[in-house]
PDB file of N, CA and C in Angstrom:
ATOM      1  N   MET A   1      20.734  20.241  -2.693  1.00  0.00           N
ATOM      2  CA  MET A   1      21.718  19.601  -1.448  1.00  0.00           C
ATOM      3  C   MET A   1      21.200  18.381  -0.911  1.00  0.00           C
ATOM      4  N   SER A   2      22.230  17.893  -0.852  1.00  0.00           N
ATOM      5  CA  SER A   2      22.115  16.608   0.405  1.00  0.00           C
ATOM      6  C   SER A   2      22.646  16.674   1.584  1.00  0.00           C
ATOM      7  N   VAL A   3      22.192  15.553   2.440  1.00  0.00           N
ATOM      8  CA  VAL A   3      22.529  15.650   3.395  1.00  0.00           C
ATOM      9  C   VAL A   3      22.916  14.058   3.492  1.00  0.00           C
ATOM     10  N   ARG A   4      24.297  14.241   4.712  1.00  0.00           N
ATOM     11  CA  ARG A   4      24.662  12.643   5.163  1.00  0.00           C
ATOM     12  C   ARG A   4      24.022  12.346   6.605  1.00  0.00           C
ATOM     13  N   VAL A   5      23.590  11.342   6.541  1.00  0.00           N
ATOM     14  CA  VAL A   5      23.085  10.929   7.974  1.00  0.00           C
ATOM     15  C   VAL A   5      23.629   9.415   8.163  1.00  0.00           C
ATOM     16  N   GLN A   6      24.108   9.538   9.297  1.00  0.00           N
ATOM     17  CA  GLN A   6      24.988   8.718   9.831  1.00  0.00           C
ATOM     18  C   GLN A   6      23.921   7.418  10.849  1.00  0.00           C
ATOM     19  N   VAL A   7      23.353   6.342  10.054  1.00  0.00           N
ATOM     20  CA  VAL A   7      22.536   5.045  10.982  1.00  0.00           C
ATOM     21  C   VAL A   7      23.470   4.372  12.051  1.00  0.00           C
ATOM     22  N   ILE A   8      23.019   4.087  13.190  1.00  0.00           N
ATOM     23  CA  ILE A   8      23.437   3.030  13.955  1.00  0.00           C
ATOM     24  C   ILE A   8      23.212   1.986  13.769  1.00  0.00           C
ATOM     25  N   LEU A   9      23.558   0.668  13.474  1.00  0.00           N
ATOM     26  CA  LEU A   9      22.828  -0.853  13.375  1.00  0.00           C
ATOM     27  C   LEU A   9      23.245  -1.538  13.890  1.00  0.00           C
ATOM     28  N   ALA A  10      22.723  -2.838  14.343  1.00  0.00           N
ATOM     29  CA  ALA A  10      23.156  -4.102  15.269  1.00  0.00           C
ATOM     30  C   ALA A  10      23.672  -4.505  13.735  1.00  0.00           C
ATOM     31  N   GLU A  11      25.296  -5.265  13.636  1.00  0.00           N
ATOM     32  CA  GLU A  11      25.412  -6.245  12.463  1.00  0.00           C
ATOM     33  C   GLU A  11      24.878  -6.700  11.800  1.00  0.00           C
ATOM     34  N   GLU A  12      23.838  -7.936  12.508  1.00  0.00           N
ATOM     35  CA  GLU A  12      22.901  -8.583  12.322  1.00  0.00           C
ATOM     36  C   GLU A  12      21.956  -7.891  11.276  1.00  0.00           C
ATOM     37  N   GLU A  13      21.596  -6.670  11.825  1.00  0.00           N
ATOM     38  CA  GLU A  13      20.672  -5.929  10.989  1.00  0.00           C
ATOM     39  C   GLU A  13      20.895  -5.522   9.751  1.00  0.00           C
ATOM     40  N   ALA A  14      22.423  -4.772   9.657  1.00  0.00           N
ATOM     41  CA  ALA A  14      23.222  -4.000   8.813  1.00  0.00           C
ATOM     42  C   ALA A  14      23.170  -5.065   7.750  1.00  0.00           C
ATOM     43  N   ALA A  15      23.128  -6.392   8.147  1.00  0.00           N
ATOM     44  CA  ALA A  15      23.732  -7.439   6.877  1.00  0.00           C
ATOM     45  C   ALA A  15      22.512  -7.844   6.264  1.00  0.00           C
ATOM     46  N   ARG A  16      21.389  -7.743   7.107  1.00  0.00           N
ATOM     47  CA  ARG A  16      19.584  -7.988   6.381  1.00  0.00           C
ATOM     48  C   ARG A  16      19.167  -7.059   5.510  1.00  0.00           C
ATOM     49  N   PHE A  17      19.716  -5.621   5.940  1.00  0.00           N
ATOM     50  CA  PHE A  17      19.428  -4.792   4.851  1.00  0.00           C
ATOM     51  C   PHE A  17      20.094  -4.719   3.480  1.00  0.00           C
ATOM     52  N   LYS A  18      21.641  -5.063   3.861  1.00  0.00           N
ATOM     53  CA  LYS A  18      22.489  -4.767   2.591  1.00  0.00           C
ATOM     54  C   LYS A  18      22.215  -6.099   1.821  1.00  0.00           C
ATOM     55  N   SER A  19      21.738  -7.275   2.453  1.00  0.00           N
ATOM     56  CA  SER A  19      20.952  -8.465   1.802  1.00  0.00           C
ATOM     57  C   SER A  19      19.901  -7.988   0.338  1.00  0.00           C
ATOM     58  N   GLN A  20      18.856  -7.211   1.516  1.00  0.00           N
ATOM     59  CA  GLN A  20      17.866  -7.258   0.616  1.00  0.00           C
ATOM     60  C   GLN A  20      18.077  -6.135  -0.421  1.00  0.00           C
ATOM     61  N   ALA A  21      18.555  -4.871   0.010  1.00  0.00           N
ATOM     62  CA  ALA A  21      18.991  -3.873  -1.011  1.00  0.00           C
ATOM     63  C   ALA A  21      20.120  -4.957  -2.125  1.00  0.00           C
ATOM     64  N   ALA A  22      20.651  -5.350  -1.882  1.00  0.00           N
ATOM     65  CA  ALA A  22      21.286  -6.330  -3.051  1.00  0.00           C
ATOM     66  C   ALA A  22      20.533  -7.151  -3.778  1.00  0.00           C
ATOM     67  N   LYS A  23      19.278  -8.006  -3.497  1.00  0.00           N
ATOM     68  CA  LYS A  23      18.398  -8.247  -3.882  1.00  0.00           C
ATOM     69  C   LYS A  23      17.408  -7.578  -5.182  1.00  0.00           C
ATOM     70  N   GLU A  24      17.426  -6.284  -4.279  1.00  0.00           N
ATOM     71  CA  GLU A  24      16.307  -5.398  -5.228  1.00  0.00           C
ATOM     72  C   GLU A  24      17.764  -4.468  -6.231  1.00  0.00           C
ATOM     73  N   LYS A  25      19.135  -5.241  -6.086  1.00  0.00           N
ATOM     74  CA  LYS A  25      19.782  -4.163  -7.093  1.00  0.00           C
ATOM     75  C   LYS A  25      19.763  -2.392  -6.868  1.00  0.00           C
ATOM     76  N   LYS A  26      19.859  -2.499  -5.354  1.00  0.00           N
ATOM     77  CA  LYS A  26      20.213  -1.013  -5.067  1.00  0.00           C
ATOM     78  C   LYS A  26      21.049  -0.939  -4.208  1.00  0.00           C
ATOM     79  N   SER A  27      21.558   0.186  -3.773  1.00  0.00           N
ATOM     80  CA  SER A  27      22.667   0.697  -2.713  1.00  0.00           C
ATOM     81  C   SER A  27      21.892   0.418  -1.324  1.00  0.00           C
ATOM     82  N   LEU A  28      22.503   0.211  -0.333  1.00  0.00           N
ATOM     83  CA  LEU A  28      22.200   0.266   0.797  1.00  0.00           C
ATOM     84  C   LEU A  28      21.495   1.829   1.120  1.00  0.00           C
ATOM     85  N   SER A  29      22.391   2.447   0.653  1.00  0.00           N
ATOM     86  CA  SER A  29      21.715   4.172   0.984  1.00  0.00           C
ATOM     87  C   SER A  29      20.206   4.072   0.093  1.00  0.00           C
ATOM     88  N   ALA A  30      20.266   3.717  -1.067  1.00  0.00           N
ATOM     89  CA  ALA A  30      18.800   3.944  -1.573  1.00  0.00           C
ATOM     90  C   ALA A  30      17.817   3.305  -1.401  1.00  0.00           C
ATOM     91  N   TRP A  31      18.104   1.945  -0.771  1.00  0.00           N
ATOM     92  CA  TRP A  31      17.126   1.329  -0.016  1.00  0.00           C
ATOM     93  C   TRP A  31      16.830   1.779   1.120  1.00  0.00           C
ATOM     94  N   LEU A  32      17.875   2.315   1.725  1.00  0.00           N
ATOM     95  CA  LEU A  32      17.102   2.762   3.356  1.00  0.00           C
ATOM     96  C   LEU A  32      16.239   4.220   3.086  1.00  0.00           C
ATOM     97  N   ARG A  33      16.379   5.040   1.968  1.00  0.00           N
ATOM     98  CA  ARG A  33      16.005   6.335   1.963  1.00  0.00           C
ATOM     99  C   ARG A  33      14.603   5.562   1.131  1.00  0.00           C
ATOM    100  N   ASP A  34      14.679   4.585   0.169  1.00  0.00           N
ATOM    101  CA  ASP A  34      12.927   4.290  -0.121  1.00  0.00           C
ATOM    102  C   ASP A  34      12.360   3.695   1.113  1.00  0.00           C
ATOM    103  N   ALA A  35      12.876   3.087   1.964  1.00  0.00           N
ATOM    104  CA  ALA A  35      12.394   2.658   3.253  1.00  0.00           C
ATOM    105  C   ALA A  35      11.715   3.470   3.793  1.00  0.00           C
ATOM    106  N   GLY A  36      12.558   4.303   3.972  1.00  0.00           N
ATOM    107  CA  GLY A  36      11.951   5.812   4.835  1.00  0.00           C
ATOM    108  C   GLY A  36      10.613   6.275   4.083  1.00  0.00           C
ATOM    109  N   LYS A  37      11.197   6.791   2.983  1.00  0.00           N
ATOM    110  CA  LYS A  37       9.500   7.102   1.889  1.00  0.00           C
ATOM    111  C   LYS A  37       8.598   6.443   2.497  1.00  0.00           C
ATOM    112  N   LYS A  38       8.626   5.013   2.167  1.00  0.00           N
ATOM    113  CA  LYS A  38       7.526   4.161   2.132  1.00  0.00           C
ATOM    114  C   LYS A  38       7.003   4.128   3.493  1.00  0.00           C
ATOM    115  N   VAL A  39       7.635   4.155   4.622  1.00  0.00           N
ATOM    116  CA  VAL A  39       7.283   4.416   5.963  1.00  0.00           C
ATOM    117  C   VAL A  39       6.231   5.603   5.939  1.00  0.00           C
ATOM    118  N   LEU A  40       6.863   6.938   5.362  1.00  0.00           N
ATOM    119  CA  LEU A  40       6.289   8.288   5.708  1.00  0.00           C
ATOM    120  C   LEU A  40       4.888   7.879   4.563  1.00  0.00           C
ATOM    121  N   SER A  41       5.191   7.659   3.416  1.00  0.00           N
ATOM    122  CA  SER A  41       4.019   7.598   2.773  1.00  0.00           C
ATOM    123  C   SER A  41       2.817   6.788   3.518  1.00  0.00           C
ATOM    124  N   ILE A  42       2.923   5.611   4.038  1.00  0.00           N
ATOM    125  CA  ILE A  42       2.511   5.022   4.781  1.00  0.00           C
ATOM    126  C   ILE A  42       1.228   5.472   6.037  1.00  0.00           C
ATOM    127  N   SER A  43       2.256   6.537   6.687  1.00  0.00           N
ATOM    128  CA  SER A  43       1.685   7.247   8.045  1.00  0.00           C
ATOM    129  C   SER A  43       0.718   8.326   7.442  1.00  0.00           C
ATOM    130  N   GLN A  44       1.455   8.957   6.247  1.00  0.00           N
ATOM    131  CA  GLN A  44       0.142   9.868   5.832  1.00  0.00           C
ATOM    132  C   GLN A  44      -0.896   9.510   5.172  1.00  0.00           C
ATOM    133  N   GLN A  45      -0.898   8.317   4.766  1.00  0.00           N
ATOM    134  CA  GLN A  45      -2.085   7.516   4.194  1.00  0.00           C
ATOM    135  C   GLN A  45      -3.406   7.198   5.519  1.00  0.00           C
ATOM    136  N   GLN A  46      -2.384   7.349   6.429  1.00  0.00           N
ATOM    137  CA  GLN A  46      -3.471   6.591   7.229  1.00  0.00           C
ATOM    138  C   GLN A  46      -4.412   7.662   8.463  1.00  0.00           C
ATOM    139  N   SER A  47      -3.487   8.715   7.880  1.00  0.00           N
ATOM    140  CA  SER A  47      -4.408   9.778   8.905  1.00  0.00           C
ATOM    141  C   SER A  47      -5.444  10.637   7.741  1.00  0.00           C
ATOM    142  N   LEU A  48      -6.733  10.275   7.527  1.00  0.00           N
ATOM    143  CA  LEU A  48      -7.631  11.100   6.937  1.00  0.00           C
ATOM    144  C   LEU A  48      -8.400  12.143   7.647  1.00  0.00           C
ATOM    145  N   LYS A  49      -7.417  13.033   8.207  1.00  0.00           N
ATOM    146  CA  LYS A  49      -8.487  14.254   9.097  1.00  0.00           C
ATOM    147  C   LYS A  49      -8.945  15.813   8.095  1.00  0.00           C
ATOM    148  N   ASP A  50      -7.340  15.694   7.205  1.00  0.00           N
ATOM    149  CA  ASP A  50      -7.825  16.794   6.531  1.00  0.00           C
ATOM    150  C   ASP A  50      -8.732  16.355   4.931  1.00  0.00           C
ATOM    151  N   PRO A  51      -8.665  17.452   4.417  1.00  0.00           N
ATOM    152  CA  PRO A  51      -9.273  17.249   2.817  1.00  0.00           C
ATOM    153  C   PRO A  51      -8.467  16.797   2.416  1.00  0.00           C
ATOM    154  N   LYS A  52      -7.156  17.299   2.306  1.00  0.00           N
ATOM    155  CA  LYS A  52      -6.263  16.980   1.159  1.00  0.00           C
ATOM    156  C   LYS A  52      -5.561  15.368   1.388  1.00  0.00           C
ATOM    157  N   SER A  53      -5.926  14.508   2.596  1.00  0.00           N
ATOM    158  CA  SER A  53      -5.597  13.676   2.830  1.00  0.00           C
ATOM    159  C   SER A  53      -6.637  12.437   2.451  1.00  0.00           C
ATOM    160  N   LEU A  54      -7.614  13.123   2.173  1.00  0.00           N
ATOM    161  CA  LEU A  54      -8.449  12.311   1.766  1.00  0.00           C
ATOM    162  C   LEU A  54      -8.760  12.032   0.249  1.00  0.00           C
ATOM    163  N   GLN A  55      -8.594  13.132  -0.496  1.00  0.00           N
ATOM    164  CA  GLN A  55      -8.386  13.183  -1.736  1.00  0.00           C
ATOM    165  C   GLN A  55      -7.176  12.411  -2.571  1.00  0.00           C
ATOM    166  N   ARG A  56      -6.232  12.419  -1.693  1.00  0.00           N
ATOM    167  CA  ARG A  56      -5.088  11.534  -1.870  1.00  0.00           C
ATOM    168  C   ARG A  56      -5.597  10.531  -1.578  1.00  0.00           C
ATOM    169  N   PHE A  57      -6.336  10.124  -1.054  1.00  0.00           N
ATOM    170  CA  PHE A  57      -6.528   8.230  -0.707  1.00  0.00           C
ATOM    171  C   PHE A  57      -7.650   8.268  -1.350  1.00  0.00           C
ATOM    172  N   PHE A  58      -8.610   8.710  -1.825  1.00  0.00           N
ATOM    173  CA  PHE A  58      -9.589   8.029  -3.168  1.00  0.00           C
ATOM    174  C   PHE A  58      -9.012   8.035  -4.201  1.00  0.00           C
ATOM    175  N   LYS A  59      -7.932   9.435  -4.861  1.00  0.00           N
ATOM    176  CA  LYS A  59      -7.242   9.136  -5.609  1.00  0.00           C
ATOM    177  C   LYS A  59      -6.377   7.902  -5.755  1.00  0.00           C
ATOM    178  N   ALA A  60      -5.773   7.381  -4.948  1.00  0.00           N
ATOM    179  CA  ALA A  60      -5.194   6.271  -4.569  1.00  0.00           C
ATOM    180  C   ALA A  60      -5.881   4.979  -4.994  1.00  0.00           C
ATOM    181  N   CYS A  61      -7.063   5.180  -4.358  1.00  0.00           N
ATOM    182  CA  CYS A  61      -7.929   3.881  -4.532  1.00  0.00           C
ATOM    183  C   CYS A  61      -8.547   4.117  -6.288  1.00  0.00           C
ATOM    184  N   ARG A  62      -8.687   4.957  -6.522  1.00  0.00           N
ATOM    185  CA  ARG A  62      -9.658   5.143  -8.045  1.00  0.00           C
ATOM    186  C   ARG A  62      -8.420   4.692  -9.095  1.00  0.00           C
ATOM    187  N   GLU A  63      -7.073   4.970  -8.899  1.00  0.00           N
ATOM    188  CA  GLU A  63      -5.789   4.259  -9.453  1.00  0.00           C
ATOM    189  C   GLU A  63      -5.549   3.004  -9.089  1.00  0.00           C
ATOM    190  N   ARG A  64      -5.954   2.475  -8.099  1.00  0.00           N
ATOM    191  CA  ARG A  64      -5.686   0.717  -7.834  1.00  0.00           C
ATOM    192  C   ARG A  64      -6.783  -0.058  -8.445  1.00  0.00           C
ATOM    193  N   GLU A  65      -8.055   0.346  -8.348  1.00  0.00           N
ATOM    194  CA  GLU A  65      -9.054  -0.726  -8.387  1.00  0.00           C
ATOM    195  C   GLU A  65      -9.270  -0.381  -9.943  1.00  0.00           C
ATOM    196  N   LYS A  66      -9.473  -1.551 -10.729  1.00  0.00           N
ATOM    197  CA  LYS A  66      -9.902  -1.582 -12.102  1.00  0.00           C
ATOM    198  C   LYS A  66     -11.039  -2.185 -12.150  1.00  0.00           C
ATOM    199  N   GLY A  67     -12.013  -1.694 -13.578  1.00  0.00           N
ATOM    200  CA  GLY A  67     -13.448  -2.055 -13.676  1.00  0.00           C
ATOM    201  C   GLY A  67     -14.030  -1.110 -13.434  1.00  0.00           C
ATOM    202  N   VAL A  68     -15.593  -1.897 -13.067  1.00  0.00           N
ATOM    203  CA  VAL A  68     -16.492  -0.979 -12.436  1.00  0.00           C
ATOM    204  C   VAL A  68     -17.526  -1.738 -11.476  1.00  0.00           C
ATOM    205  N   GLU A  69     -17.521  -1.388 -10.413  1.00  0.00           N
ATOM    206  CA  GLU A  69     -18.375  -1.837  -9.188  1.00  0.00           C
ATOM    207  C   GLU A  69     -19.799  -2.445  -9.610  1.00  0.00           C
ATOM    208  N   PRO A  70     -20.220  -3.391  -9.501  1.00  0.00           N
ATOM    209  CA  PRO A  70     -21.238  -3.438 -10.175  1.00  0.00           C
ATOM    210  C   PRO A  70     -22.145  -3.116  -9.234  1.00  0.00           C
ATOM    211  N   ASP A  71     -23.438  -2.687  -9.694  1.00  0.00           N
ATOM    212  CA  ASP A  71     -24.755  -2.016  -9.436  1.00  0.00           C
ATOM    213  C   ASP A  71     -25.762  -3.231  -7.998  1.00  0.00           C
ATOM    214  N   TRP A  72     -25.859  -2.314  -6.854  1.00  0.00           N
ATOM    215  CA  TRP A  72     -26.454  -3.438  -5.586  1.00  0.00           C
ATOM    216  C   TRP A  72     -27.479  -3.997  -6.510  1.00  0.00           C
ATOM    217  N   ASP A  73     -28.508  -3.512  -7.082  1.00  0.00           N
ATOM    218  CA  ASP A  73     -29.255  -3.976  -7.368  1.00  0.00           C
ATOM    219  C   ASP A  73     -29.069  -5.750  -8.148  1.00  0.00           C
ATOM    220  N   ASP A  74     -28.078  -5.609  -8.993  1.00  0.00           N
ATOM    221  CA  ASP A  74     -27.927  -6.675  -9.573  1.00  0.00           C
ATOM    222  C   ASP A  74     -27.477  -7.824  -8.638  1.00  0.00           C
ATOM    223  N   HIS A  75     -26.739  -7.341  -7.410  1.00  0.00           N
ATOM    224  CA  HIS A  75     -26.207  -8.231  -6.308  1.00  0.00           C
ATOM    225  C   HIS A  75     -27.550  -8.967  -5.804  1.00  0.00           C
ATOM    226  N   LYS A  76     -28.420  -7.919  -5.488  1.00  0.00           N
ATOM    227  CA  LYS A  76     -29.479  -8.890  -4.664  1.00  0.00           C
ATOM    228  C   LYS A  76     -30.447  -9.550  -5.749  1.00  0.00           C
ATOM    229  N   LYS A  77     -30.349  -9.119  -6.816  1.00  0.00           N
ATOM    230  CA  LYS A  77     -31.000 -10.268  -7.783  1.00  0.00           C
ATOM    231  C   LYS A  77     -30.132 -11.601  -7.999  1.00  0.00           C
ATOM    232  N   LEU A  78     -29.097 -11.322  -7.939  1.00  0.00           N
ATOM    233  CA  LEU A  78     -28.019 -12.524  -7.905  1.00  0.00           C
ATOM    234  C   LEU A  78     -28.307 -13.390  -6.627  1.00  0.00           C
ATOM    235  N   LEU A  79     -28.510 -12.736  -5.411  1.00  0.00           N
ATOM    236  CA  LEU A  79     -28.342 -13.481  -4.064  1.00  0.00           C
ATOM    237  C   LEU A  79     -29.639 -13.982  -4.079  1.00  0.00           C
ATOM    238  N   LEU A  80     -31.130 -13.476  -4.609  1.00  0.00           N
ATOM    239  CA  LEU A  80     -32.204 -13.982  -4.471  1.00  0.00           C
ATOM    240  C   LEU A  80     -32.385 -15.016  -5.061  1.00  0.00           C
ATOM    241  N   GLU A  81     -32.088 -14.881  -6.904  1.00  0.00           N
ATOM    242  CA  GLU A  81     -32.345 -16.502  -7.736  1.00  0.00           C
ATOM    243  C   GLU A  81     -31.417 -17.544  -6.956  1.00  0.00           C
ATOM    244  N   SER A  82     -29.983 -17.257  -6.459  1.00  0.00           N
ATOM    245  CA  SER A  82     -29.434 -18.032  -5.735  1.00  0.00           C
ATOM    246  C   SER A  82     -30.387 -18.960  -4.576  1.00  0.00           C
ATOM    247  N   TYR A  83     -30.909 -18.100  -3.999  1.00  0.00           N
ATOM    248  CA  TYR A  83     -31.223 -18.641  -2.746  1.00  0.00           C
ATOM    249  C   TYR A  83     -32.747 -19.150  -3.111  1.00  0.00           C
ATOM    250  N   GLN A  84     -33.600 -18.968  -4.226  1.00  0.00           N
ATOM    251  CA  GLN A  84     -34.638 -19.538  -4.755  1.00  0.00           C
ATOM    252  C   GLN A  84     -34.406 -20.840  -5.060  1.00  0.00           C
ATOM    253  N   ALA A  85     -33.346 -21.061  -5.827  1.00  0.00           N
ATOM    254  CA  ALA A  85     -33.265 -21.983  -6.503  1.00  0.00           C
ATOM    255  C   ALA A  85     -32.404 -23.064  -5.060  1.00  0.00           C
ATOM    256  N   GLY A  86     -31.841 -22.671  -4.354  1.00  0.00           N
ATOM    257  CA  GLY A  86     -31.178 -23.546  -3.262  1.00  0.00           C
ATOM    258  C   GLY A  86     -29.828 -23.567  -3.613  1.00  0.00           C
ATOM    259  N   LYS A  87     -29.369 -22.880  -4.193  1.00  0.00           N
ATOM    260  CA  LYS A  87     -27.752 -22.754  -4.334  1.00  0.00           C
ATOM    261  C   LYS A  87     -27.546 -22.253  -2.963  1.00  0.00           C
ATOM    262  N   LYS A  88     -25.658 -22.429  -3.071  1.00  0.00           N
ATOM    263  CA  LYS A  88     -24.681 -21.607  -2.228  1.00  0.00           C
ATOM    264  C   LYS A  88     -23.932 -20.965  -2.880  1.00  0.00           C
ATOM    265  N   LEU A  89     -23.932 -19.209  -2.264  1.00  0.00           N
ATOM    266  CA  LEU A  89     -22.888 -18.682  -2.682  1.00  0.00           C
ATOM    267  C   LEU A  89     -21.600 -18.845  -2.191  1.00  0.00           C
TER     268      LEU A  89
END
């Protein structure tokens, strides 16, 4: 079931929103809906006070990151070798 919502905007603000929606090839309604969902998603991600939000956070991190983190011992070895050789990192 859909619900109609009326939003009061200044003319300049409405024009900027419409312009951005057109650039993204979306209707103003779709653009506003997506913007609202994005804000809700960000606010949910910021709260890491419960186990489910922590799980979502770490899942998003795993999906975003590519490759494997180098071992800390490898980092220390590289730093020591560079320091001993007089190089700056």
